[in-house]
Amino acid sequence: MKLIAILPAALIAAAPVCAGPYAVIENNAGFTGSDFTGHTTDFHVGYEESGPWASWGVQAGPTVFSPDNGEADTKLTGKIFGSLAATEKLSVFGELSAAFDATNSYGTKAGVKYSF
């Protein structure tokens, strides 16, 4: 009987704090020393869920690659990402990204974050 009484509270506590779709436009520029080398601009839509112990998401859409003094090119890109709380102040995160064309390319990101 106690289990039935506790179950609704446990489900509410386990529910995501933040969830839903989003749109993002992000520009990243590159430099070598003071020489501008180019930039990329993402036009992505995604979905993300965040809870007390973990978060994850996925996003995709076109990205415009614009090298300095070069011709711009548009490719389909995307990423999946997530993080997990190891302790109250330490979390572990990771990301897998991809750009799709004749020669698909992939990237990874992984790390730990300590909050003071």
Protein backbone atom coordinates (compact mmCIF):
# COMPACT_ATOMS: atom_id res chain seq x y z
CA MET A 1 0.00 0.00 0.00
CA LYS A 2 2.88 2.39 0.75
CA LEU A 3 4.23 1.78 -2.77
CA ILE A 4 0.97 2.97 -4.31
CA ALA A 5 1.08 6.11 -2.17
CA ILE A 6 4.74 6.84 -3.04
CA LEU A 7 4.54 6.05 -6.78
CA PRO A 8 2.92 9.35 -7.93
CA ALA A 9 5.52 11.40 -6.03
CA ALA A 10 8.35 9.31 -7.50
CA LEU A 11 7.02 9.79 -11.04
CA ILE A 12 6.73 13.55 -10.55
CA ALA A 13 10.26 13.73 -9.14
CA ALA A 14 11.60 11.71 -12.09
CA ALA A 15 9.82 13.85 -14.71
CA PRO A 16 11.98 16.19 -16.80
CA VAL A 17 12.40 19.71 -15.46
CA CYS A 18 12.56 21.15 -18.98
CA ALA A 19 11.56 19.44 -22.21
CA GLY A 20 10.63 20.48 -25.67
CA PRO A 21 11.48 21.55 -29.17
CA TYR A 22 13.58 24.59 -30.03
CA ALA A 23 15.15 26.44 -32.95
CA VAL A 24 18.67 27.84 -32.95
CA ILE A 25 20.80 29.95 -35.27
CA GLU A 26 24.47 29.74 -34.30
CA ASN A 27 27.53 31.28 -35.96
CA ASN A 28 31.09 30.10 -35.31
CA ALA A 29 34.05 32.02 -36.72
CA GLY A 30 37.66 30.86 -37.04
CA PHE A 31 40.95 32.73 -36.82
CA THR A 32 44.61 31.80 -37.16
CA GLY A 33 46.40 34.49 -35.18
CA SER A 34 44.65 37.65 -36.37
CA ASP A 35 43.81 36.15 -39.80
CA PHE A 36 40.10 35.40 -40.28
CA THR A 37 39.74 31.94 -41.88
CA GLY A 38 35.96 31.68 -42.24
CA HIS A 39 32.73 30.89 -40.42
CA THR A 40 29.83 28.47 -40.28
CA THR A 41 26.21 29.26 -39.55
CA ASP A 42 23.81 26.57 -38.28
CA PHE A 43 20.05 26.83 -38.86
CA HIS A 44 18.89 23.95 -36.64
CA VAL A 45 15.76 22.66 -34.99
CA GLY A 46 16.04 20.34 -32.03
CA TYR A 47 14.55 18.67 -29.01
CA GLU A 48 15.99 18.69 -25.49
CA GLU A 49 15.05 17.19 -22.12
CA SER A 50 16.60 18.16 -18.81
CA GLY A 51 16.03 16.52 -15.46
CA PRO A 52 17.63 16.63 -12.04
CA TRP A 53 20.30 14.00 -12.88
CA ALA A 54 20.62 14.01 -16.67
CA SER A 55 19.90 15.91 -19.85
CA TRP A 56 19.98 14.96 -23.52
CA GLY A 57 19.07 16.40 -26.87
CA VAL A 58 19.26 16.19 -30.63
CA GLN A 59 19.36 18.92 -33.26
CA ALA A 60 19.79 19.06 -37.05
CA GLY A 61 19.40 21.28 -40.10
CA PRO A 62 21.39 23.06 -42.77
CA THR A 63 24.76 24.65 -42.05
CA VAL A 64 26.36 27.24 -44.33
CA PHE A 65 30.16 26.84 -44.49
CA SER A 66 31.77 30.14 -45.56
CA PRO A 67 35.58 30.08 -45.89
CA ASP A 68 37.37 33.44 -46.13
CA ASN A 69 37.72 34.39 -49.81
CA GLY A 70 36.05 31.11 -50.80
CA GLU A 71 32.73 29.86 -52.06
CA ALA A 72 30.02 29.12 -49.47
CA ASP A 73 28.65 25.59 -49.27
CA THR A 74 25.56 24.29 -47.46
CA LYS A 75 25.47 20.84 -45.85
CA LEU A 76 23.04 18.96 -43.63
CA THR A 77 24.48 18.76 -40.10
CA GLY A 78 23.35 17.54 -36.73
CA LYS A 79 24.36 16.47 -33.27
CA ILE A 80 23.25 14.41 -30.31
CA PHE A 81 24.38 15.40 -26.83
CA GLY A 82 23.89 14.61 -23.20
CA SER A 83 25.17 15.05 -19.68
CA LEU A 84 24.91 13.06 -16.48
CA ALA A 85 25.36 14.28 -12.90
CA ALA A 86 28.10 12.21 -11.25
CA THR A 87 27.80 14.12 -7.96
CA GLU A 88 26.08 17.29 -6.82
CA LYS A 89 28.95 19.40 -8.24
CA LEU A 90 30.42 17.16 -10.97
CA SER A 91 28.85 16.25 -14.30
CA VAL A 92 30.04 14.30 -17.33
CA PHE A 93 29.03 15.38 -20.85
CA GLY A 94 29.40 14.25 -24.44
CA GLU A 95 28.41 15.18 -27.97
CA LEU A 96 28.53 13.48 -31.38
CA SER A 97 28.19 15.76 -34.41
CA ALA A 98 28.09 15.05 -38.13
CA ALA A 99 28.09 16.83 -41.49
CA PHE A 100 26.55 14.87 -44.37
CA ASP A 101 27.75 15.09 -47.98
CA ALA A 102 29.79 12.92 -50.39
CA THR A 103 32.37 12.35 -47.63
CA ASN A 104 30.53 12.42 -44.31
CA SER A 105 32.51 13.91 -41.43
CA TYR A 106 32.04 13.39 -37.70
CA GLY A 107 33.19 15.06 -34.52
CA THR A 108 33.10 14.28 -30.82
CA LYS A 109 33.21 16.29 -27.64
CA ALA A 110 33.56 14.85 -24.13
CA GLY A 111 34.41 16.28 -20.76
CA VAL A 112 33.67 16.85 -17.14
CA LYS A 113 32.31 20.00 -15.51
CA TYR A 114 32.86 20.97 -11.88
CA SER A 115 30.59 23.65 -10.39
CA PHE A 116 31.84 25.75 -7.48
